[in-house]
Amino acid sequence: MVNLSLTADPAARDNFARDLEQLVRQRTSGLIRGLRVECQGDEIIVSGRTTTYYAKQLATHAALDACENFALKNSIEVV
């Protein structure tokens, strides 16, 4: 599990985003195209595209498991 307090350190934030992106990719079996995770303030933003709401839900749960103390914005589009 990814665990981090989102500090002002840009390198730590980038590492967290990269680790969380990898976790989401693993949990969704790569079903999210163009997956991107960003840390902005105390918010985690997950974006990309998928063909099912189920994959979007899997991504949400993976991200919530890793960043329970932060706001999560799921901007994944279902197309």
Protein backbone atom coordinates (compact mmCIF):
# COMPACT_ATOMS: atom_id res chain seq x y z
CA MET A 1 0.00 0.00 0.00
CA VAL A 2 1.16 3.52 -0.75
CA ASN A 3 1.40 5.75 2.28
CA LEU A 4 2.38 9.40 2.30
CA SER A 5 1.58 12.67 3.90
CA LEU A 6 1.42 15.08 1.00
CA THR A 7 4.25 17.41 1.87
CA ALA A 8 5.43 20.45 -0.03
CA ASP A 9 8.39 18.41 -1.30
CA PRO A 10 7.78 18.11 -5.07
CA ALA A 11 9.94 14.97 -5.36
CA ALA A 12 7.94 13.18 -2.65
CA ARG A 13 4.67 14.21 -4.29
CA ASP A 14 5.88 12.98 -7.68
CA ASN A 15 6.99 9.66 -6.20
CA PHE A 16 3.64 9.25 -4.45
CA ALA A 17 1.74 10.01 -7.67
CA ARG A 18 3.88 7.54 -9.61
CA ASP A 19 3.42 4.81 -6.97
CA LEU A 20 -0.32 5.40 -6.79
CA GLU A 21 -0.59 5.34 -10.58
CA GLN A 22 1.17 1.97 -10.61
CA LEU A 23 -1.17 0.65 -7.91
CA VAL A 24 -4.27 1.78 -9.83
CA ARG A 25 -2.90 0.26 -13.04
CA GLN A 26 -2.32 -3.08 -11.27
CA ARG A 27 -5.73 -3.14 -9.60
CA THR A 28 -7.55 -2.28 -12.83
CA SER A 29 -5.46 -4.67 -14.96
CA GLY A 30 -4.55 -1.78 -17.23
CA LEU A 31 -8.17 -0.99 -18.16
CA ILE A 32 -7.64 2.77 -17.76
CA ARG A 33 -6.13 4.32 -20.91
CA GLY A 34 -3.94 7.37 -20.42
CA LEU A 35 -4.00 6.90 -16.65
CA ARG A 36 -2.62 9.88 -14.78
CA VAL A 37 -2.40 10.65 -11.06
CA GLU A 38 -1.69 14.18 -9.85
CA CYS A 39 -1.28 15.69 -6.39
CA GLN A 40 -2.70 19.21 -6.09
CA GLY A 41 -2.80 20.67 -2.62
CA ASP A 42 -4.52 18.10 -0.40
CA GLU A 43 -6.34 16.54 -3.35
CA ILE A 44 -5.43 13.50 -5.43
CA ILE A 45 -6.73 13.60 -9.02
CA VAL A 46 -7.00 10.40 -11.04
CA SER A 47 -7.74 10.78 -14.74
CA GLY A 48 -7.84 8.72 -17.92
CA ARG A 49 -10.40 6.87 -20.03
CA THR A 50 -12.08 3.50 -19.81
CA THR A 51 -14.98 1.67 -21.38
CA THR A 52 -16.71 0.53 -18.18
CA TYR A 53 -17.96 2.08 -14.97
CA TYR A 54 -16.63 -1.03 -13.22
CA ALA A 55 -13.04 -0.12 -14.17
CA LYS A 56 -13.64 3.43 -12.93
CA GLN A 57 -14.94 2.02 -9.64
CA LEU A 58 -11.89 -0.26 -9.30
CA ALA A 59 -9.63 2.76 -9.80
CA THR A 60 -11.54 4.70 -7.15
CA HIS A 61 -11.21 1.93 -4.59
CA ALA A 62 -7.51 1.43 -5.30
CA ALA A 63 -6.83 5.15 -4.88
CA LEU A 64 -8.97 5.45 -1.74
CA ASP A 65 -7.14 2.53 -0.13
CA ALA A 66 -3.84 4.34 -0.63
CA CYS A 67 -4.80 7.91 0.23
CA GLU A 68 -7.55 7.71 2.81
CA ASN A 69 -6.56 10.99 4.49
CA PHE A 70 -6.88 13.08 1.33
CA ALA A 71 -9.65 14.19 -0.98
CA LEU A 72 -9.92 12.10 -4.13
CA LYS A 73 -11.23 13.44 -7.42
CA ASN A 74 -11.89 10.71 -9.98
CA SER A 75 -11.86 12.36 -13.41
CA ILE A 76 -11.76 9.10 -15.34
CA GLU A 77 -14.06 9.29 -18.35
CA VAL A 78 -16.21 6.32 -19.35
CA VAL A 79 -16.49 6.25 -23.13
